[in-house]
Amino acid sequence: MNLKNIFLSILVISLINACKVTQQYTQPANATNNNLYRGASTADSTTIANISWKEMFTDNLLQSLIQEGINNNLDLKIAVARLKTANANVKQSKLALLPSADANAVAAFQRVPSTQFGVPQAYELFISSSWEADIWGKLSSAKRAALASLLQSDAYKRAVQTQLVADIATNYYMLMALDAQLQVTLQTVENRKQEVETMKTLKESDVVTGAAVVQSAANRYSVEITIPDLKQNIRETENALSILLGRSPDSISRSSLEQQVVTSNLATGVPAQLLANRPDVQEAEFQLRNSFEQINIARTYFYPTLTITGQAGLSGTAIAQIFNPTTFFATLTAGLLQPIFDKGINRQRLTTAQANQEEYLADFKKTILAAGQEVSNALYSYQAAKDKEGLRGQQINYLQKSVEYTKELLKYSSATNYTDVLTSEQALLAAQLSSVNDKLQQLTAVVNLYRSLGGGWK
């Protein structure tokens, strides 16, 4: 077959390609809807996801911890390594579209009975090249599939960073909340110690009985016994935060819960922005795009493959002769391979690719719904903590008065006993600890909302 016929064959097959064996990817219709955020319908596209984490978290100590985590976190390093692998695969898929070339040197010998060694017959130096014509789009689809995998790996890396920023902030706030609860508990123990001494004095004055004295001592120890658990929780939280930072378990420098200002900027934007801001949603869609291209690749296996090969070089019966220009030779061939009987492999490949796409489409939709759920939960959690803020303050105020009044009544009225004091004090301590949790709930709700909207990687 001469060169003209080869190109005519390519032209004819390219015209056949008009039937479009491969398809173009389109995003699933109605991926998001305006009701995705329960109870938070808005047309405002402003979202806190577009705020950098340095602007979102203004505590300098927290900022330094987040930066340290981004620099050293091992999960993030793993994600970066995966991204490098995916990038190499994309480069390899691009090179597959180019011809391959090999340099060859051949020496042929023939041994005859009258000689001890072989007699040289020919020497050749030539370059061979082959190229698969991408007439059905298999190589192009493979390149797009590799690109989707690269973008998926990049989205995964950003998803890891988003979660990392949220985890560091959450553990930081939790650490300060535990500090605050420990401080409340220690102060309560000191108050209970004084109370025991007061009960002893009142016992000597026959105001209370010995039962009140032992009850007050037991009341003191019932609070003091919680201190080791609080200290253990603090240490474990410090250790967990250290691991996030990529360092050995150690103490963590931190501020105080009272100094933390809860942001009131809870702009969510519209649900459609999740596709642009939330990395795990993007990751799921890129996985879907990869599976789509795998279907394209599977379809191309049902059609013939056109491969063009060529050789060019020098040939002679002696080494000195092969460098003579007259010994130059060149060949060009084209081969067409059409699968006829493949034991059902091509059909199975297509069926598997289609089933994978169904799976990843469902996973994509599930990821979007889960994102909407997380946004809704974070918004409601913040509002619930906000609603409790004023009520909790009133509760603590009246419980403090209750403790004071019952203690005074215990001194001057026989209608009151130490059980009333005990009940009031226990309720006050529980309310004070709950107040710390209310502040923590607000802070973590803002962190969760920020992460749920896709903030933390910009």
Protein backbone atom coordinates (compact mmCIF):
# COMPACT_ATOMS: atom_id res chain seq x y z
CA MET A 1 0.00 0.00 0.00
CA ASN A 2 1.47 3.36 -1.03
CA LEU A 3 1.34 6.59 0.97
CA LYS A 4 -1.61 7.92 -1.02
CA ASN A 5 -3.74 4.89 -0.27
CA ILE A 6 -2.86 5.07 3.42
CA PHE A 7 -4.08 8.62 3.75
CA LEU A 8 -7.20 7.79 1.73
CA SER A 9 -7.91 5.00 4.19
CA ILE A 10 -7.48 7.39 7.11
CA LEU A 11 -9.83 9.87 5.43
CA VAL A 12 -12.52 7.26 4.86
CA ILE A 13 -12.35 6.00 8.43
CA SER A 14 -12.41 9.57 9.74
CA LEU A 15 -15.62 10.18 7.80
CA ILE A 16 -17.11 7.10 9.39
CA ASN A 17 -16.16 8.66 12.71
CA ALA A 18 -19.00 11.14 12.15
CA CYS A 19 -21.24 8.64 13.91
CA LYS A 20 -19.57 9.78 17.16
CA VAL A 21 -18.57 6.61 18.93
CA THR A 22 -17.60 8.66 22.00
CA GLN A 23 -19.91 11.13 23.72
CA GLN A 24 -19.30 14.49 25.40
CA TYR A 25 -19.75 14.72 29.16
CA THR A 26 -22.53 16.93 30.53
CA GLN A 27 -23.18 17.66 34.18
CA PRO A 28 -26.24 15.86 35.62
CA ALA A 29 -29.35 18.03 35.41
CA ASN A 30 -30.69 19.58 38.61
CA ALA A 31 -27.63 18.63 40.61
CA THR A 32 -28.69 21.09 43.31
CA ASN A 33 -31.96 22.77 44.21
CA ASN A 34 -32.93 25.87 46.15
CA ASN A 35 -34.40 23.81 49.00
CA LEU A 36 -31.13 22.05 49.77
CA TYR A 37 -30.58 24.22 52.86
CA ARG A 38 -33.55 23.50 55.08
CA GLY A 39 -35.10 26.70 56.36
CA ALA A 40 -32.49 28.92 54.68
CA SER A 41 -33.72 29.86 51.23
CA THR A 42 -31.85 32.83 49.76
CA ALA A 43 -30.93 34.29 46.39
CA ASP A 44 -27.87 36.11 47.78
CA SER A 45 -24.69 34.57 46.37
CA THR A 46 -22.51 35.93 49.20
CA THR A 47 -21.00 33.02 51.11
CA ILE A 48 -18.44 32.68 53.89
CA ALA A 49 -16.87 29.85 51.86
CA ASN A 50 -15.10 32.51 49.79
CA ILE A 51 -13.43 33.95 52.89
CA SER A 52 -9.88 32.74 53.51
CA TRP A 53 -9.31 30.88 56.76
CA LYS A 54 -7.01 33.67 57.93
CA GLU A 55 -9.93 36.08 57.74
CA MET A 56 -12.38 33.59 59.21
CA PHE A 57 -10.29 32.80 62.30
CA THR A 58 -8.83 35.96 63.80
CA ASP A 59 -7.16 34.35 66.85
CA ASN A 60 -3.42 34.64 66.16
CA LEU A 61 -2.58 31.44 68.02
CA LEU A 62 -5.21 29.54 66.07
CA GLN A 63 -3.92 30.98 62.80
CA SER A 64 -0.40 29.78 63.55
CA LEU A 65 -1.71 26.29 64.41
CA ILE A 66 -3.68 26.07 61.16
CA GLN A 67 -0.66 27.16 59.12
CA GLU A 68 1.49 24.58 60.91
CA GLY A 69 -1.10 21.91 60.13
CA ILE A 70 -1.21 22.84 56.44
CA ASN A 71 2.59 22.65 56.31
CA ASN A 72 3.06 19.40 58.23
CA ASN A 73 -0.14 17.35 58.37
CA LEU A 74 0.55 13.83 57.12
CA ASP A 75 -2.88 13.24 55.58
CA LEU A 76 -2.35 16.36 53.51
CA LYS A 77 1.08 15.13 52.44
CA ILE A 78 -0.51 11.85 51.32
CA ALA A 79 -3.06 13.81 49.28
CA VAL A 80 -0.27 15.82 47.65
CA ALA A 81 1.56 12.61 46.75
CA ARG A 82 -1.61 11.24 45.12
CA LEU A 83 -1.91 14.47 43.19
CA LYS A 84 1.62 14.03 41.83
CA THR A 85 0.77 10.50 40.70
CA ALA A 86 -2.37 11.70 38.92
CA ASN A 87 -0.40 14.48 37.24
CA ALA A 88 2.12 11.94 35.92
CA ASN A 89 -0.75 9.84 34.52
CA VAL A 90 -2.11 12.86 32.64
CA LYS A 91 1.29 13.51 31.05
CA GLN A 92 1.51 9.86 30.07
CA SER A 93 -1.97 9.93 28.48
CA LYS A 94 -0.95 12.96 26.39
CA LEU A 95 2.18 11.20 25.17
CA ALA A 96 0.05 8.24 24.05
CA LEU A 97 -1.27 10.44 21.22
CA LEU A 98 2.25 10.81 19.80
CA PRO A 99 4.13 8.25 17.70
CA SER A 100 6.59 5.95 19.43
CA ALA A 101 10.18 5.76 18.11
CA ASP A 102 12.96 3.22 18.64
CA ALA A 103 16.57 3.12 17.45
CA ASN A 104 17.82 -0.29 16.27
CA ALA A 105 21.15 -1.81 15.26
CA VAL A 106 21.14 -5.27 13.62
CA ALA A 107 24.00 -7.52 12.55
CA ALA A 108 23.14 -10.79 10.82
CA PHE A 109 25.66 -13.68 10.57
CA GLN A 110 25.53 -17.03 8.80
CA ARG A 111 27.78 -19.93 9.77
CA VAL A 112 29.00 -22.18 6.97
CA PRO A 113 30.66 -25.59 7.44
CA SER A 114 34.05 -24.48 6.14
CA THR A 115 34.43 -21.66 8.66
CA GLN A 116 34.78 -21.64 12.42
CA PHE A 117 32.98 -18.36 12.87
CA GLY A 118 29.92 -16.84 11.23
CA VAL A 119 30.17 -14.95 7.96
CA PRO A 120 28.57 -11.51 8.12
CA GLN A 121 25.52 -11.22 5.88
CA ALA A 122 24.16 -7.74 6.65
CA TYR A 123 24.46 -4.76 8.95
CA GLU A 124 21.56 -2.40 9.58
CA LEU A 125 21.09 0.87 11.47
CA PHE A 126 17.52 2.11 11.41
CA ILE A 127 14.81 3.92 13.34
CA SER A 128 11.34 2.45 13.63
CA SER A 129 8.21 4.34 14.60
CA SER A 130 4.56 3.44 15.11
CA TRP A 131 1.46 5.56 15.58
CA GLU A 132 -2.07 4.56 16.46
CA ALA A 133 -4.58 6.81 14.73
CA ASP A 134 -7.13 7.99 17.28
CA ILE A 135 -10.00 7.67 14.83
CA TRP A 136 -12.60 6.58 17.40
CA GLY A 137 -11.46 8.85 20.20
CA LYS A 138 -10.11 6.13 22.50
CA LEU A 139 -6.85 7.92 23.25
CA SER A 140 -8.60 11.28 23.62
CA SER A 141 -11.08 9.75 26.05
CA ALA A 142 -8.22 8.17 27.97
CA LYS A 143 -6.59 11.59 28.21
CA ARG A 144 -9.84 13.15 29.49
CA ALA A 145 -10.26 10.30 31.98
CA ALA A 146 -6.74 10.88 33.29
CA LEU A 147 -7.44 14.61 33.52
CA ALA A 148 -10.61 13.89 35.49
CA SER A 149 -8.55 11.73 37.85
CA LEU A 150 -6.04 14.56 38.25
CA LEU A 151 -8.79 17.04 39.06
CA GLN A 152 -10.33 14.49 41.41
CA SER A 153 -7.01 14.16 43.24
CA ASP A 154 -6.72 17.94 43.45
CA ALA A 155 -10.26 18.14 44.84
CA TYR A 156 -9.40 15.40 47.35
CA LYS A 157 -6.36 17.37 48.48
CA ARG A 158 -8.48 20.48 48.96
CA ALA A 159 -11.12 18.43 50.79
CA VAL A 160 -8.44 17.15 53.17
CA GLN A 161 -7.29 20.72 53.81
CA THR A 162 -10.86 21.92 54.38
CA GLN A 163 -11.43 19.16 56.93
CA LEU A 164 -8.02 19.78 58.49
CA VAL A 165 -8.71 23.48 59.05
CA ALA A 166 -12.07 22.62 60.61
CA ASP A 167 -10.60 19.89 62.83
CA ILE A 168 -7.82 22.15 64.11
CA ALA A 169 -10.27 24.96 64.89
CA THR A 170 -12.76 22.59 66.54
CA ASN A 171 -10.11 20.95 68.74
CA TYR A 172 -8.69 24.37 69.62
CA TYR A 173 -12.09 25.60 70.78
CA MET A 174 -12.75 22.33 72.60
CA LEU A 175 -9.43 22.68 74.41
CA MET A 176 -10.35 26.16 75.64
CA ALA A 177 -13.81 24.93 76.67
CA LEU A 178 -12.23 22.19 78.76
CA ASP A 179 -9.95 24.81 80.32
CA ALA A 180 -13.00 26.88 81.20
CA GLN A 181 -14.82 23.89 82.69
CA LEU A 182 -11.74 22.99 84.70
CA GLN A 183 -11.54 26.56 85.99
CA VAL A 184 -15.21 26.49 87.04
CA THR A 185 -14.72 23.12 88.72
CA LEU A 186 -11.61 24.22 90.62
CA GLN A 187 -13.37 27.34 91.85
CA THR A 188 -16.37 25.25 92.92
CA VAL A 189 -14.08 22.92 94.90
CA GLU A 190 -12.63 25.90 96.75
CA ASN A 191 -16.14 27.11 97.53
CA ARG A 192 -17.11 23.66 98.77
CA LYS A 193 -14.05 23.52 101.04
CA GLN A 194 -15.12 26.76 102.67
CA GLU A 195 -18.62 25.42 102.93
CA VAL A 196 -17.43 22.35 104.84
CA GLU A 197 -15.75 24.62 107.36
CA THR A 198 -18.94 26.68 107.60
CA MET A 199 -20.99 23.53 108.25
CA LYS A 200 -18.60 22.52 111.02
CA THR A 201 -19.02 25.91 112.66
CA LEU A 202 -22.79 25.71 112.37
CA LYS A 203 -22.68 22.22 113.84
CA GLU A 204 -20.81 23.51 116.86
CA SER A 205 -23.54 26.12 117.26
CA ASP A 206 -26.23 23.43 116.98
CA VAL A 207 -27.65 25.09 113.87
CA VAL A 208 -27.14 21.99 111.71
CA THR A 209 -26.62 18.34 112.48
CA GLY A 210 -23.64 16.14 111.80
CA ALA A 211 -25.42 14.89 108.70
CA ALA A 212 -25.05 18.33 107.13
CA VAL A 213 -21.31 18.28 107.81
CA VAL A 214 -20.71 14.92 106.13
CA GLN A 215 -23.06 15.84 103.27
CA SER A 216 -21.07 19.01 102.62
CA ALA A 217 -17.81 17.02 102.61
CA ALA A 218 -19.30 14.47 100.23
CA ASN A 219 -20.57 17.35 98.06
CA ARG A 220 -17.04 18.71 97.85
CA TYR A 221 -15.52 15.40 96.79
CA SER A 222 -18.29 14.75 94.25
CA VAL A 223 -17.01 17.81 92.38
CA GLU A 224 -13.31 17.29 93.01
CA ILE A 225 -13.45 13.75 91.60
CA THR A 226 -14.30 15.13 88.16
CA ILE A 227 -11.01 17.06 87.94
CA PRO A 228 -8.82 14.10 86.86
CA ASP A 229 -11.23 13.31 84.02
CA LEU A 230 -11.18 16.92 82.85
CA LYS A 231 -7.39 16.96 82.92
CA GLN A 232 -7.32 13.70 80.97
CA ASN A 233 -9.67 15.16 78.35
CA ILE A 234 -7.44 18.21 78.06
CA ARG A 235 -4.35 16.08 77.56
CA GLU A 236 -6.05 13.83 75.00
CA THR A 237 -7.34 16.85 73.08
CA GLU A 238 -3.84 18.33 73.06
CA ASN A 239 -2.49 15.02 71.76
CA ALA A 240 -5.14 14.85 69.03
CA LEU A 241 -4.38 18.41 67.98
CA SER A 242 -0.64 17.65 67.93
CA ILE A 243 -1.22 14.77 65.51
CA LEU A 244 -3.21 17.08 63.23
CA LEU A 245 -0.22 19.43 63.28
CA GLY A 246 2.15 16.61 62.31
CA ARG A 247 4.09 16.80 65.55
CA SER A 248 4.63 14.53 68.55
CA PRO A 249 2.00 14.82 71.33
CA ASP A 250 2.74 17.90 73.40
CA SER A 251 1.10 20.88 75.06
CA ILE A 252 -0.70 23.43 72.90
CA SER A 253 -0.47 27.19 73.31
CA ARG A 254 -3.95 28.67 73.39
CA SER A 255 -6.06 31.63 74.36
CA SER A 256 -9.18 31.54 76.57
CA LEU A 257 -12.78 30.85 75.66
CA GLU A 258 -13.88 34.25 76.97
CA GLN A 259 -11.69 35.99 74.38
CA GLN A 260 -13.27 34.20 71.44
CA VAL A 261 -15.73 36.28 69.44
CA VAL A 262 -18.46 34.32 67.69
CA THR A 263 -18.94 35.65 64.18
CA SER A 264 -22.44 36.65 63.16
CA ASN A 265 -21.64 36.45 59.42
CA LEU A 266 -23.38 33.24 58.40
CA ALA A 267 -23.92 33.93 54.71
CA THR A 268 -24.54 30.61 52.97
CA GLY A 269 -24.94 31.71 49.36
CA VAL A 270 -27.08 29.56 47.08
CA PRO A 271 -26.87 25.75 46.97
CA ALA A 272 -25.54 25.77 43.39
CA GLN A 273 -22.30 27.28 44.72
CA LEU A 274 -21.49 24.00 46.45
CA LEU A 275 -20.33 22.70 43.06
CA ALA A 276 -17.75 25.47 42.89
CA ASN A 277 -16.74 25.69 46.56
CA ARG A 278 -17.05 22.30 48.20
CA PRO A 279 -14.11 20.03 47.25
CA ASP A 280 -15.74 16.70 48.09
CA VAL A 281 -18.68 17.53 45.80
CA GLN A 282 -16.20 18.35 43.03
CA GLU A 283 -14.30 15.15 43.80
CA ALA A 284 -17.48 13.11 43.38
CA GLU A 285 -18.27 14.80 40.07
CA PHE A 286 -14.75 14.25 38.69
CA GLN A 287 -15.09 10.59 39.60
CA LEU A 288 -18.34 10.60 37.63
CA ARG A 289 -16.60 12.24 34.67
CA ASN A 290 -13.83 9.65 34.79
CA SER A 291 -16.39 6.82 34.70
CA PHE A 292 -18.12 8.53 31.76
CA GLU A 293 -14.87 8.54 29.79
CA GLN A 294 -14.29 4.90 30.69
CA ILE A 295 -17.57 4.12 28.90
CA ASN A 296 -16.29 6.01 25.86
CA ILE A 297 -13.09 3.96 25.92
CA ALA A 298 -15.03 0.71 26.29
CA ARG A 299 -17.13 1.56 23.20
CA THR A 300 -14.06 2.09 21.03
CA TYR A 301 -12.93 -1.50 21.55
CA PHE A 302 -15.78 -2.65 19.28
CA TYR A 303 -14.20 -0.83 16.31
CA PRO A 304 -11.01 -1.47 14.29
CA THR A 305 -7.66 -0.04 15.29
CA LEU A 306 -5.50 1.63 12.65
CA THR A 307 -1.76 1.54 13.30
CA ILE A 308 0.83 3.11 10.97
CA THR A 309 4.42 1.97 11.26
CA GLY A 310 7.53 3.13 9.47
CA GLN A 311 11.22 2.34 9.27
CA ALA A 312 14.14 4.31 7.86
CA GLY A 313 17.85 3.61 7.98
CA LEU A 314 21.00 2.29 6.36
CA SER A 315 21.91 -1.26 5.33
CA GLY A 316 24.99 -2.99 3.93
CA THR A 317 27.03 -6.19 3.97
CA ALA A 318 29.95 -4.40 5.57
CA ILE A 319 30.13 -1.82 8.31
CA ALA A 320 31.93 0.62 6.03
CA GLN A 321 29.18 0.32 3.43
CA ILE A 322 26.22 1.21 5.65
CA PHE A 323 27.29 4.86 5.83
CA ASN A 324 27.05 5.16 2.08
CA PRO A 325 23.98 7.26 1.14
CA THR A 326 23.05 4.71 -1.49
CA THR A 327 22.29 2.15 1.23
CA PHE A 328 19.40 4.22 2.64
CA PHE A 329 16.04 2.44 2.84
CA ALA A 330 12.57 3.38 4.15
CA THR A 331 9.29 1.53 4.56
CA LEU A 332 5.80 2.66 5.58
CA THR A 333 2.98 0.26 6.41
CA ALA A 334 -0.51 0.56 7.79
CA GLY A 335 -2.41 -2.13 9.65
CA LEU A 336 -6.10 -2.37 10.47
CA LEU A 337 -7.15 -4.64 13.34
CA GLN A 338 -10.85 -5.46 13.74
CA PRO A 339 -11.94 -7.55 16.76
CA ILE A 340 -14.08 -10.50 15.67
CA PHE A 341 -14.16 -12.96 18.54
CA ASP A 342 -13.03 -11.67 21.95
CA LYS A 343 -14.85 -14.12 24.24
CA GLY A 344 -17.23 -11.35 25.38
CA ILE A 345 -14.43 -9.26 26.89
CA ASN A 346 -15.43 -6.06 25.09
CA ARG A 347 -19.09 -6.44 26.05
CA GLN A 348 -18.12 -7.15 29.65
CA ARG A 349 -15.81 -4.11 29.68
CA LEU A 350 -18.67 -1.86 28.53
CA THR A 351 -21.16 -3.33 30.98
CA THR A 352 -18.74 -2.84 33.87
CA ALA A 353 -18.05 0.77 32.87
CA GLN A 354 -21.78 1.54 32.65
CA ALA A 355 -22.42 -0.04 36.07
CA ASN A 356 -19.57 2.02 37.57
CA GLN A 357 -21.10 5.19 36.13
CA GLU A 358 -24.45 4.38 37.75
CA GLU A 359 -22.68 3.92 41.08
CA TYR A 360 -20.73 7.18 40.83
CA LEU A 361 -23.80 9.13 39.70
CA ALA A 362 -25.66 7.97 42.82
CA ASP A 363 -22.60 8.81 44.93
CA PHE A 364 -22.45 12.31 43.40
CA LYS A 365 -26.09 12.97 44.23
CA LYS A 366 -25.64 11.53 47.71
CA THR A 367 -22.64 13.79 48.35
CA ILE A 368 -24.66 16.87 47.40
CA LEU A 369 -27.55 15.87 49.67
CA ALA A 370 -25.12 15.22 52.53
CA ALA A 371 -23.58 18.65 51.98
CA GLY A 372 -27.01 20.26 52.22
CA GLN A 373 -27.72 18.31 55.39
CA GLU A 374 -24.48 19.48 56.99
CA VAL A 375 -25.18 23.12 56.14
CA SER A 376 -28.71 22.83 57.55
CA ASN A 377 -27.48 21.15 60.75
CA ALA A 378 -24.76 23.76 61.31
CA LEU A 379 -27.21 26.63 60.86
CA TYR A 380 -29.71 25.14 63.29
CA SER A 381 -26.99 24.26 65.82
CA TYR A 382 -25.79 27.86 65.83
CA GLN A 383 -29.30 29.21 66.22
CA ALA A 384 -30.09 26.75 69.03
CA ALA A 385 -26.97 27.81 70.94
CA LYS A 386 -27.85 31.45 70.35
CA ASP A 387 -31.34 30.91 71.69
CA LYS A 388 -29.95 29.28 74.83
CA GLU A 389 -27.49 32.11 75.48
CA GLY A 390 -29.93 34.53 77.12
CA LEU A 391 -31.90 31.81 78.86
CA ARG A 392 -28.75 30.27 80.31
CA GLY A 393 -27.69 33.60 81.72
CA GLN A 394 -31.03 33.97 83.48
CA GLN A 395 -30.83 30.42 84.79
CA ILE A 396 -27.35 30.95 86.29
CA ASN A 397 -28.41 34.26 87.80
CA TYR A 398 -31.39 32.76 89.62
CA LEU A 399 -29.47 29.64 90.67
CA GLN A 400 -26.78 31.81 92.24
CA LYS A 401 -29.48 33.61 94.21
CA SER A 402 -31.02 30.27 95.12
CA VAL A 403 -27.72 29.06 96.59
CA GLU A 404 -27.27 32.29 98.55
CA TYR A 405 -30.83 32.29 99.88
CA THR A 406 -30.83 28.64 100.94
CA LYS A 407 -27.53 29.10 102.76
CA GLU A 408 -28.94 32.07 104.65
CA LEU A 409 -32.15 30.20 105.42
CA LEU A 410 -30.11 27.27 106.70
CA LYS A 411 -28.60 29.55 109.33
CA TYR A 412 -31.80 31.13 110.54
CA SER A 413 -34.69 28.84 109.69
CA SER A 414 -35.42 25.27 110.72
CA ALA A 415 -37.63 24.88 107.64
CA THR A 416 -34.50 24.54 105.50
CA ASN A 417 -31.91 21.76 105.63
CA TYR A 418 -28.64 21.15 103.86
CA THR A 419 -30.35 19.07 101.17
CA ASP A 420 -31.85 22.27 99.76
CA VAL A 421 -28.40 23.86 99.63
CA LEU A 422 -26.96 20.75 98.00
CA THR A 423 -29.66 20.70 95.32
CA SER A 424 -29.14 24.38 94.48
CA GLU A 425 -25.36 24.06 94.30
CA GLN A 426 -25.46 21.03 92.03
CA ALA A 427 -27.90 22.75 89.70
CA LEU A 428 -25.69 25.87 89.61
CA LEU A 429 -22.56 23.89 88.73
CA ALA A 430 -24.39 22.02 85.98
CA ALA A 431 -25.67 25.32 84.53
CA GLN A 432 -22.19 26.89 84.62
CA LEU A 433 -20.67 23.92 82.80
CA SER A 434 -23.54 23.97 80.30
CA SER A 435 -22.90 27.65 79.68
CA VAL A 436 -19.38 26.76 78.58
CA ASN A 437 -20.83 24.13 76.25
CA ASP A 438 -23.25 26.69 74.80
CA LYS A 439 -20.35 28.95 73.82
CA LEU A 440 -18.48 25.97 72.40
CA GLN A 441 -21.58 24.97 70.41
CA GLN A 442 -21.75 28.39 68.79
CA LEU A 443 -18.07 28.34 67.84
CA THR A 444 -18.12 24.80 66.46
CA ALA A 445 -21.36 25.49 64.57
CA VAL A 446 -19.66 28.35 62.74
CA VAL A 447 -16.67 26.10 61.97
CA ASN A 448 -18.95 23.34 60.69
CA LEU A 449 -20.91 25.80 58.54
CA TYR A 450 -17.68 27.19 57.10
CA ARG A 451 -16.47 23.68 56.25
CA SER A 452 -19.87 22.53 54.97
CA LEU A 453 -20.00 25.40 52.49
CA GLY A 454 -16.52 24.53 51.24
CA GLY A 455 -14.43 27.07 53.11
CA GLY A 456 -10.87 26.50 54.26
CA TRP A 457 -8.91 25.75 51.08
CA LYS A 458 -8.76 29.23 49.58
